[in-house]
Amino acid sequence: MSRRTLYECSHAKVKGDCIFCEMGHPLSRKAKPGNGHINIERLAAGEALALVACQRCPDFDCMGPPVPPEERGWNNGGNPVRSFLVVKT
C-alpha cells in the first residue's frame, strides 16, 4: 500500500515559506499552538512528504497520483525542475 503524501492532497497549501493544511490539521508534531505548518525547504529538497498526519486523515482529498521522486523539488543538487504546482490562497 502506498503512503499518502502532501503532493497528492488538495488541502495542502503553500503560503510564503510554509506548507499548511487548509482544513486545519497540524502537519508537524512539533507545532506551536495554532501553528501546524512545515517549512517549504522540505518541498524544495524533494522530500517524500508522506507525513504521519496525512496517513489516516479523514479529510485527505487525493487530486492525482504521487509525484515521482525524480520530479520533486527544485533545490536538489542542481537538477532542473520537471514539474511543480503552486496553489495560491
PDB file of N, CA and C in Angstrom:
ATOM      1  N   MET A   1       0.845  -1.185   0.000  1.00  0.00           N
ATOM      2  CA  MET A   1       0.000   0.000   0.000  1.00  0.00           C
ATOM      3  C   MET A   1       0.890   1.247   0.000  1.00  0.00           C
ATOM      4  N   SER A   2       0.594   2.175  -0.878  1.00  0.00           N
ATOM      5  CA  SER A   2       1.400   3.396  -0.937  1.00  0.00           C
ATOM      6  C   SER A   2       0.951   4.364   0.156  1.00  0.00           C
ATOM      7  N   ARG A   3       1.882   5.197   0.540  1.00  0.00           N
ATOM      8  CA  ARG A   3       1.597   6.181   1.590  1.00  0.00           C
ATOM      9  C   ARG A   3       1.054   7.460   0.968  1.00  0.00           C
ATOM     10  N   ARG A   4       0.150   8.102   1.662  1.00  0.00           N
ATOM     11  CA  ARG A   4      -0.394   9.390   1.233  1.00  0.00           C
ATOM     12  C   ARG A   4       0.671  10.470   1.392  1.00  0.00           C
ATOM     13  N   THR A   5       0.729  11.385   0.440  1.00  0.00           N
ATOM     14  CA  THR A   5       1.703  12.470   0.524  1.00  0.00           C
ATOM     15  C   THR A   5       1.015  13.818   0.340  1.00  0.00           C
ATOM     16  N   LEU A   6       1.708  14.865   0.773  1.00  0.00           N
ATOM     17  CA  LEU A   6       1.175  16.216   0.581  1.00  0.00           C
ATOM     18  C   LEU A   6       1.083  16.571  -0.896  1.00  0.00           C
ATOM     19  N   TYR A   7       1.916  15.936  -1.726  1.00  0.00           N
ATOM     20  CA  TYR A   7       1.863  16.200  -3.164  1.00  0.00           C
ATOM     21  C   TYR A   7       0.499  15.827  -3.748  1.00  0.00           C
ATOM     22  N   GLU A   8      -0.176  14.894  -3.118  1.00  0.00           N
ATOM     23  CA  GLU A   8      -1.449  14.381  -3.635  1.00  0.00           C
ATOM     24  C   GLU A   8      -2.689  15.070  -3.073  1.00  0.00           C
ATOM     25  N   CYS A   9      -2.587  15.711  -1.922  1.00  0.00           N
ATOM     26  CA  CYS A   9      -3.771  16.230  -1.239  1.00  0.00           C
ATOM     27  C   CYS A   9      -4.113  17.658  -1.681  1.00  0.00           C
ATOM     28  N   SER A  10      -5.350  17.848  -2.040  1.00  0.00           N
ATOM     29  CA  SER A  10      -5.788  19.174  -2.496  1.00  0.00           C
ATOM     30  C   SER A  10      -5.867  20.187  -1.358  1.00  0.00           C
ATOM     31  N   HIS A  11      -5.770  19.735  -0.117  1.00  0.00           N
ATOM     32  CA  HIS A  11      -5.831  20.649   1.021  1.00  0.00           C
ATOM     33  C   HIS A  11      -4.463  21.181   1.443  1.00  0.00           C
ATOM     34  N   ALA A  12      -3.390  20.660   0.859  1.00  0.00           N
ATOM     35  CA  ALA A  12      -2.033  21.145   1.166  1.00  0.00           C
ATOM     36  C   ALA A  12      -1.815  22.449   0.397  1.00  0.00           C
ATOM     37  N   LYS A  13      -1.470  23.490   1.104  1.00  0.00           N
ATOM     38  CA  LYS A  13      -1.289  24.818   0.507  1.00  0.00           C
ATOM     39  C   LYS A  13       0.068  25.384   0.882  1.00  0.00           C
ATOM     40  N   VAL A  14       0.577  26.228   0.003  1.00  0.00           N
ATOM     41  CA  VAL A  14       1.845  26.927   0.243  1.00  0.00           C
ATOM     42  C   VAL A  14       1.552  28.408   0.412  1.00  0.00           C
ATOM     43  N   LYS A  15       2.103  28.972   1.477  1.00  0.00           N
ATOM     44  CA  LYS A  15       1.988  30.410   1.695  1.00  0.00           C
ATOM     45  C   LYS A  15       3.329  30.881   2.229  1.00  0.00           C
ATOM     46  N   GLY A  16       3.980  31.746   1.469  1.00  0.00           N
ATOM     47  CA  GLY A  16       5.309  32.202   1.865  1.00  0.00           C
ATOM     48  C   GLY A  16       6.276  31.044   1.896  1.00  0.00           C
ATOM     49  N   ASP A  17       6.905  30.826   3.046  1.00  0.00           N
ATOM     50  CA  ASP A  17       7.864  29.732   3.167  1.00  0.00           C
ATOM     51  C   ASP A  17       7.297  28.565   3.984  1.00  0.00           C
ATOM     52  N   CYS A  18       5.959  28.436   4.010  1.00  0.00           N
ATOM     53  CA  CYS A  18       5.304  27.397   4.794  1.00  0.00           C
ATOM     54  C   CYS A  18       4.337  26.569   3.967  1.00  0.00           C
ATOM     55  N   ILE A  19       4.200  25.306   4.346  1.00  0.00           N
ATOM     56  CA  ILE A  19       3.170  24.421   3.800  1.00  0.00           C
ATOM     57  C   ILE A  19       2.214  24.149   4.950  1.00  0.00           C
ATOM     58  N   PHE A  20       0.923  24.285   4.695  1.00  0.00           N
ATOM     59  CA  PHE A  20      -0.064  24.055   5.745  1.00  0.00           C
ATOM     60  C   PHE A  20      -1.268  23.328   5.183  1.00  0.00           C
ATOM     61  N   CYS A  21      -2.113  22.815   6.060  1.00  0.00           N
ATOM     62  CA  CYS A  21      -3.349  22.138   5.674  1.00  0.00           C
ATOM     63  C   CYS A  21      -4.492  23.139   5.807  1.00  0.00           C
ATOM     64  N   GLU A  22      -5.196  23.364   4.707  1.00  0.00           N
ATOM     65  CA  GLU A  22      -6.298  24.328   4.756  1.00  0.00           C
ATOM     66  C   GLU A  22      -7.470  23.836   5.606  1.00  0.00           C
ATOM     67  N   MET A  23      -7.472  22.559   5.967  1.00  0.00           N
ATOM     68  CA  MET A  23      -8.514  22.028   6.838  1.00  0.00           C
ATOM     69  C   MET A  23      -8.151  22.191   8.317  1.00  0.00           C
ATOM     70  N   GLY A  24      -6.940  22.687   8.580  1.00  0.00           N
ATOM     71  CA  GLY A  24      -6.518  22.965   9.943  1.00  0.00           C
ATOM     72  C   GLY A  24      -5.772  21.852  10.647  1.00  0.00           C
ATOM     73  N   HIS A  25      -5.486  20.751   9.948  1.00  0.00           N
ATOM     74  CA  HIS A  25      -4.753  19.662  10.579  1.00  0.00           C
ATOM     75  C   HIS A  25      -3.279  20.040  10.721  1.00  0.00           C
ATOM     76  N   PRO A  26      -2.682  19.837  11.897  1.00  0.00           N
ATOM     77  CA  PRO A  26      -1.259  20.147  12.067  1.00  0.00           C
ATOM     78  C   PRO A  26      -0.411  19.149  11.285  1.00  0.00           C
ATOM     79  N   LEU A  27       0.543  19.644  10.531  1.00  0.00           N
ATOM     80  CA  LEU A  27       1.417  18.788   9.741  1.00  0.00           C
ATOM     81  C   LEU A  27       2.684  18.421  10.496  1.00  0.00           C
ATOM     82  N   SER A  28       2.973  19.145  11.551  1.00  0.00           N
ATOM     83  CA  SER A  28       4.182  18.922  12.325  1.00  0.00           C
ATOM     84  C   SER A  28       3.828  18.526  13.746  1.00  0.00           C
ATOM     85  N   ARG A  29       4.525  17.536  14.254  1.00  0.00           N
ATOM     86  CA  ARG A  29       4.322  17.125  15.650  1.00  0.00           C
ATOM     87  C   ARG A  29       4.896  18.155  16.615  1.00  0.00           C
ATOM     88  N   LYS A  30       5.828  18.967  16.130  1.00  0.00           N
ATOM     89  CA  LYS A  30       6.487  19.969  16.963  1.00  0.00           C
ATOM     90  C   LYS A  30       5.821  21.334  16.827  1.00  0.00           C
ATOM     91  N   ALA A  31       4.613  21.339  16.378  1.00  0.00           N
ATOM     92  CA  ALA A  31       3.925  22.610  16.123  1.00  0.00           C
ATOM     93  C   ALA A  31       3.665  23.392  17.402  1.00  0.00           C
ATOM     94  N   LYS A  32       3.839  24.678  17.285  1.00  0.00           N
ATOM     95  CA  LYS A  32       3.456  25.572  18.380  1.00  0.00           C
ATOM     96  C   LYS A  32       1.937  25.690  18.350  1.00  0.00           C
ATOM     97  N   PRO A  33       1.314  26.077  19.432  1.00  0.00           N
ATOM     98  CA  PRO A  33      -0.145  26.241  19.409  1.00  0.00           C
ATOM     99  C   PRO A  33      -0.587  27.165  18.278  1.00  0.00           C
ATOM    100  N   GLY A  34      -1.510  26.663  17.461  1.00  0.00           N
ATOM    101  CA  GLY A  34      -2.040  27.454  16.355  1.00  0.00           C
ATOM    102  C   GLY A  34      -1.141  27.506  15.134  1.00  0.00           C
ATOM    103  N   ASN A  35      -0.053  26.702  15.124  1.00  0.00           N
ATOM    104  CA  ASN A  35       0.896  26.766  14.024  1.00  0.00           C
ATOM    105  C   ASN A  35       1.326  25.351  13.666  1.00  0.00           C
ATOM    106  N   GLY A  36       0.621  24.705  12.758  1.00  0.00           N
ATOM    107  CA  GLY A  36       0.926  23.324  12.393  1.00  0.00           C
ATOM    108  C   GLY A  36       1.562  23.194  11.037  1.00  0.00           C
ATOM    109  N   HIS A  37       2.282  24.209  10.602  1.00  0.00           N
ATOM    110  CA  HIS A  37       2.878  24.184   9.266  1.00  0.00           C
ATOM    111  C   HIS A  37       4.238  23.482   9.269  1.00  0.00           C
ATOM    112  N   ILE A  38       4.730  23.188   8.069  1.00  0.00           N
ATOM    113  CA  ILE A  38       6.107  22.732   7.893  1.00  0.00           C
ATOM    114  C   ILE A  38       6.788  23.700   6.938  1.00  0.00           C
ATOM    115  N   ASN A  39       8.100  23.751   7.002  1.00  0.00           N
ATOM    116  CA  ASN A  39       8.867  24.673   6.180  1.00  0.00           C
ATOM    117  C   ASN A  39       8.921  24.189   4.738  1.00  0.00           C
ATOM    118  N   ILE A  40       8.857  25.114   3.804  1.00  0.00           N
ATOM    119  CA  ILE A  40       8.875  24.795   2.378  1.00  0.00           C
ATOM    120  C   ILE A  40      10.214  24.195   1.931  1.00  0.00           C
ATOM    121  N   GLU A  41      11.255  24.314   2.771  1.00  0.00           N
ATOM    122  CA  GLU A  41      12.557  23.739   2.421  1.00  0.00           C
ATOM    123  C   GLU A  41      12.457  22.237   2.177  1.00  0.00           C
ATOM    124  N   ARG A  42      11.555  21.582   2.854  1.00  0.00           N
ATOM    125  CA  ARG A  42      11.369  20.133   2.645  1.00  0.00           C
ATOM    126  C   ARG A  42      10.822  19.852   1.249  1.00  0.00           C
ATOM    127  N   LEU A  43       9.939  20.701   0.777  1.00  0.00           N
ATOM    128  CA  LEU A  43       9.413  20.586  -0.582  1.00  0.00           C
ATOM    129  C   LEU A  43      10.505  20.894  -1.601  1.00  0.00           C
ATOM    130  N   ALA A  44      11.273  21.946  -1.338  1.00  0.00           N
ATOM    131  CA  ALA A  44      12.364  22.342  -2.241  1.00  0.00           C
ATOM    132  C   ALA A  44      13.403  21.237  -2.381  1.00  0.00           C
ATOM    133  N   ALA A  45      13.645  20.500  -1.296  1.00  0.00           N
ATOM    134  CA  ALA A  45      14.629  19.422  -1.305  1.00  0.00           C
ATOM    135  C   ALA A  45      14.101  18.151  -1.960  1.00  0.00           C
ATOM    136  N   GLY A  46      12.805  18.115  -2.256  1.00  0.00           N
ATOM    137  CA  GLY A  46      12.219  16.945  -2.906  1.00  0.00           C
ATOM    138  C   GLY A  46      11.909  15.798  -1.965  1.00  0.00           C
ATOM    139  N   GLU A  47      11.757  16.097  -0.683  1.00  0.00           N
ATOM    140  CA  GLU A  47      11.423  15.048   0.282  1.00  0.00           C
ATOM    141  C   GLU A  47      10.085  14.411  -0.061  1.00  0.00           C
ATOM    142  N   ALA A  48       9.871  13.196   0.418  1.00  0.00           N
ATOM    143  CA  ALA A  48       8.651  12.443   0.110  1.00  0.00           C
ATOM    144  C   ALA A  48       7.383  13.111   0.639  1.00  0.00           C
ATOM    145  N   LEU A  49       7.455  13.785   1.778  1.00  0.00           N
ATOM    146  CA  LEU A  49       6.320  14.466   2.407  1.00  0.00           C
ATOM    147  C   LEU A  49       5.134  13.535   2.669  1.00  0.00           C
ATOM    148  N   ALA A  50       5.444  12.292   3.064  1.00  0.00           N
ATOM    149  CA  ALA A  50       4.423  11.331   3.477  1.00  0.00           C
ATOM    150  C   ALA A  50       4.303  11.434   4.999  1.00  0.00           C
ATOM    151  N   LEU A  51       3.653  12.486   5.446  1.00  0.00           N
ATOM    152  CA  LEU A  51       3.590  12.809   6.869  1.00  0.00           C
ATOM    153  C   LEU A  51       2.615  11.902   7.614  1.00  0.00           C
ATOM    154  N   VAL A  52       2.923  11.653   8.880  1.00  0.00           N
ATOM    155  CA  VAL A  52       2.069  10.829   9.730  1.00  0.00           C
ATOM    156  C   VAL A  52       0.646  11.394   9.761  1.00  0.00           C
ATOM    157  N   ALA A  53       0.526  12.697   9.847  1.00  0.00           N
ATOM    158  CA  ALA A  53      -0.788  13.345   9.932  1.00  0.00           C
ATOM    159  C   ALA A  53      -1.683  13.025   8.739  1.00  0.00           C
ATOM    160  N   CYS A  54      -1.105  12.747   7.610  1.00  0.00           N
ATOM    161  CA  CYS A  54      -1.887  12.508   6.383  1.00  0.00           C
ATOM    162  C   CYS A  54      -2.377  11.071   6.243  1.00  0.00           C
ATOM    163  N   GLN A  55      -1.742  10.132   6.907  1.00  0.00           N
ATOM    164  CA  GLN A  55      -1.997   8.721   6.637  1.00  0.00           C
ATOM    165  C   GLN A  55      -3.412   8.263   6.966  1.00  0.00           C
ATOM    166  N   ARG A  56      -3.996   8.778   8.017  1.00  0.00           N
ATOM    167  CA  ARG A  56      -5.376   8.401   8.375  1.00  0.00           C
ATOM    168  C   ARG A  56      -6.295   9.615   8.421  1.00  0.00           C
ATOM    169  N   CYS A  57      -5.919  10.653   7.726  1.00  0.00           N
ATOM    170  CA  CYS A  57      -6.691  11.892   7.758  1.00  0.00           C
ATOM    171  C   CYS A  57      -8.059  11.701   7.106  1.00  0.00           C
ATOM    172  N   PRO A  58      -9.132  12.039   7.815  1.00  0.00           N
ATOM    173  CA  PRO A  58     -10.470  11.886   7.246  1.00  0.00           C
ATOM    174  C   PRO A  58     -10.757  12.892   6.128  1.00  0.00           C
ATOM    175  N   ASP A  59      -9.965  13.961   6.047  1.00  0.00           N
ATOM    176  CA  ASP A  59     -10.183  14.993   5.035  1.00  0.00           C
ATOM    177  C   ASP A  59      -9.238  14.882   3.843  1.00  0.00           C
ATOM    178  N   PHE A  60      -8.395  13.840   3.801  1.00  0.00           N
ATOM    179  CA  PHE A  60      -7.453  13.687   2.695  1.00  0.00           C
ATOM    180  C   PHE A  60      -8.237  13.646   1.388  1.00  0.00           C
ATOM    181  N   ASP A  61      -7.873  14.504   0.439  1.00  0.00           N
ATOM    182  CA  ASP A  61      -8.572  14.618  -0.835  1.00  0.00           C
ATOM    183  C   ASP A  61      -7.555  14.440  -1.962  1.00  0.00           C
ATOM    184  N   CYS A  62      -7.464  13.222  -2.448  1.00  0.00           N
ATOM    185  CA  CYS A  62      -6.470  12.883  -3.464  1.00  0.00           C
ATOM    186  C   CYS A  62      -6.817  13.552  -4.793  1.00  0.00           C
ATOM    187  N   MET A  63      -5.860  14.337  -5.303  1.00  0.00           N
ATOM    188  CA  MET A  63      -6.095  15.028  -6.576  1.00  0.00           C
ATOM    189  C   MET A  63      -5.288  14.416  -7.715  1.00  0.00           C
ATOM    190  N   GLY A  64      -4.674  13.275  -7.475  1.00  0.00           N
ATOM    191  CA  GLY A  64      -3.930  12.608  -8.532  1.00  0.00           C
ATOM    192  C   GLY A  64      -2.880  11.675  -7.975  1.00  0.00           C
ATOM    193  N   PRO A  65      -2.153  11.011  -8.856  1.00  0.00           N
ATOM    194  CA  PRO A  65      -1.130  10.062  -8.415  1.00  0.00           C
ATOM    195  C   PRO A  65       0.051  10.774  -7.763  1.00  0.00           C
ATOM    196  N   PRO A  66       0.841  10.029  -6.987  1.00  0.00           N
ATOM    197  CA  PRO A  66       2.013  10.632  -6.353  1.00  0.00           C
ATOM    198  C   PRO A  66       2.987  11.191  -7.387  1.00  0.00           C
ATOM    199  N   VAL A  67       3.707  12.227  -7.012  1.00  0.00           N
ATOM    200  CA  VAL A  67       4.732  12.803  -7.875  1.00  0.00           C
ATOM    201  C   VAL A  67       5.956  11.884  -7.794  1.00  0.00           C
ATOM    202  N   PRO A  68       6.478  11.415  -8.930  1.00  0.00           N
ATOM    203  CA  PRO A  68       7.660  10.545  -8.891  1.00  0.00           C
ATOM    204  C   PRO A  68       8.852  11.272  -8.259  1.00  0.00           C
ATOM    205  N   PRO A  69       9.697  10.532  -7.540  1.00  0.00           N
ATOM    206  CA  PRO A  69      10.839  11.157  -6.861  1.00  0.00           C
ATOM    207  C   PRO A  69      11.712  12.011  -7.776  1.00  0.00           C
ATOM    208  N   GLU A  70      11.895  11.604  -8.993  1.00  0.00           N
ATOM    209  CA  GLU A  70      12.756  12.375  -9.907  1.00  0.00           C
ATOM    210  C   GLU A  70      12.134  13.697 -10.356  1.00  0.00           C
ATOM    211  N   GLU A  71      10.867  13.914 -10.065  1.00  0.00           N
ATOM    212  CA  GLU A  71      10.200  15.153 -10.447  1.00  0.00           C
ATOM    213  C   GLU A  71       9.922  16.071  -9.257  1.00  0.00           C
ATOM    214  N   ARG A  72      10.400  15.703  -8.085  1.00  0.00           N
ATOM    215  CA  ARG A  72      10.167  16.502  -6.878  1.00  0.00           C
ATOM    216  C   ARG A  72      11.280  17.508  -6.660  1.00  0.00           C
ATOM    217  N   GLY A  73      10.917  18.623  -6.053  1.00  0.00           N
ATOM    218  CA  GLY A  73      11.884  19.605  -5.582  1.00  0.00           C
ATOM    219  C   GLY A  73      12.529  20.427  -6.675  1.00  0.00           C
ATOM    220  N   TRP A  74      13.217  21.451  -6.246  1.00  0.00           N
ATOM    221  CA  TRP A  74      13.952  22.309  -7.170  1.00  0.00           C
ATOM    222  C   TRP A  74      15.315  22.673  -6.609  1.00  0.00           C
ATOM    223  N   ASN A  75      15.588  22.203  -5.417  1.00  0.00           N
ATOM    224  CA  ASN A  75      16.838  22.524  -4.752  1.00  0.00           C
ATOM    225  C   ASN A  75      17.576  21.222  -4.431  1.00  0.00           C
ATOM    226  N   ASN A  76      17.681  20.366  -5.438  1.00  0.00           N
ATOM    227  CA  ASN A  76      18.235  19.035  -5.198  1.00  0.00           C
ATOM    228  C   ASN A  76      19.507  18.792  -6.017  1.00  0.00           C
ATOM    229  N   GLY A  77      20.509  19.558  -5.743  1.00  0.00           N
ATOM    230  CA  GLY A  77      21.793  19.342  -6.374  1.00  0.00           C
ATOM    231  C   GLY A  77      21.897  19.856  -7.796  1.00  0.00           C
ATOM    232  N   GLY A  78      21.135  20.854  -8.140  1.00  0.00           N
ATOM    233  CA  GLY A  78      21.246  21.452  -9.458  1.00  0.00           C
ATOM    234  C   GLY A  78      20.407  20.795 -10.534  1.00  0.00           C
ATOM    235  N   ASN A  79      19.622  19.767 -10.182  1.00  0.00           N
ATOM    236  CA  ASN A  79      18.762  19.147 -11.179  1.00  0.00           C
ATOM    237  C   ASN A  79      17.630  20.100 -11.536  1.00  0.00           C
ATOM    238  N   PRO A  80      17.282  20.193 -12.808  1.00  0.00           N
ATOM    239  CA  PRO A  80      16.208  21.114 -13.199  1.00  0.00           C
ATOM    240  C   PRO A  80      14.851  20.655 -12.679  1.00  0.00           C
ATOM    241  N   VAL A  81      13.983  21.602 -12.500  1.00  0.00           N
ATOM    242  CA  VAL A  81      12.622  21.303 -12.073  1.00  0.00           C
ATOM    243  C   VAL A  81      11.879  20.719 -13.259  1.00  0.00           C
ATOM    244  N   ARG A  82      11.228  19.591 -13.032  1.00  0.00           N
ATOM    245  CA  ARG A  82      10.470  18.955 -14.118  1.00  0.00           C
ATOM    246  C   ARG A  82       8.987  19.271 -14.013  1.00  0.00           C
ATOM    247  N   SER A  83       8.490  19.375 -12.779  1.00  0.00           N
ATOM    248  CA  SER A  83       7.098  19.758 -12.585  1.00  0.00           C
ATOM    249  C   SER A  83       6.936  20.328 -11.187  1.00  0.00           C
ATOM    250  N   PHE A  84       6.027  21.280 -11.041  1.00  0.00           N
ATOM    251  CA  PHE A  84       5.778  21.888  -9.745  1.00  0.00           C
ATOM    252  C   PHE A  84       4.459  22.609  -9.806  1.00  0.00           C
ATOM    253  N   LEU A  85       3.661  22.451  -8.778  1.00  0.00           N
ATOM    254  CA  LEU A  85       2.356  23.079  -8.717  1.00  0.00           C
ATOM    255  C   LEU A  85       2.307  23.948  -7.473  1.00  0.00           C
ATOM    256  N   VAL A  86       1.977  25.203  -7.638  1.00  0.00           N
ATOM    257  CA  VAL A  86       1.790  26.103  -6.501  1.00  0.00           C
ATOM    258  C   VAL A  86       0.361  26.587  -6.537  1.00  0.00           C
ATOM    259  N   VAL A  87      -0.327  26.433  -5.432  1.00  0.00           N
ATOM    260  CA  VAL A  87      -1.705  26.901  -5.318  1.00  0.00           C
ATOM    261  C   VAL A  87      -1.676  28.127  -4.420  1.00  0.00           C
ATOM    262  N   LYS A  88      -2.053  29.257  -4.942  1.00  0.00           N
ATOM    263  CA  LYS A  88      -2.099  30.477  -4.131  1.00  0.00           C
ATOM    264  C   LYS A  88      -3.402  30.538  -3.375  1.00  0.00           C
ATOM    265  N   THR A  89      -3.306  31.003  -2.132  1.00  0.00           N
ATOM    266  CA  THR A  89      -4.537  31.109  -1.323  1.00  0.00           C
ATOM    267  C   THR A  89      -4.832  32.542  -1.032  1.00  0.00           C
TER     268      THR A  89
END
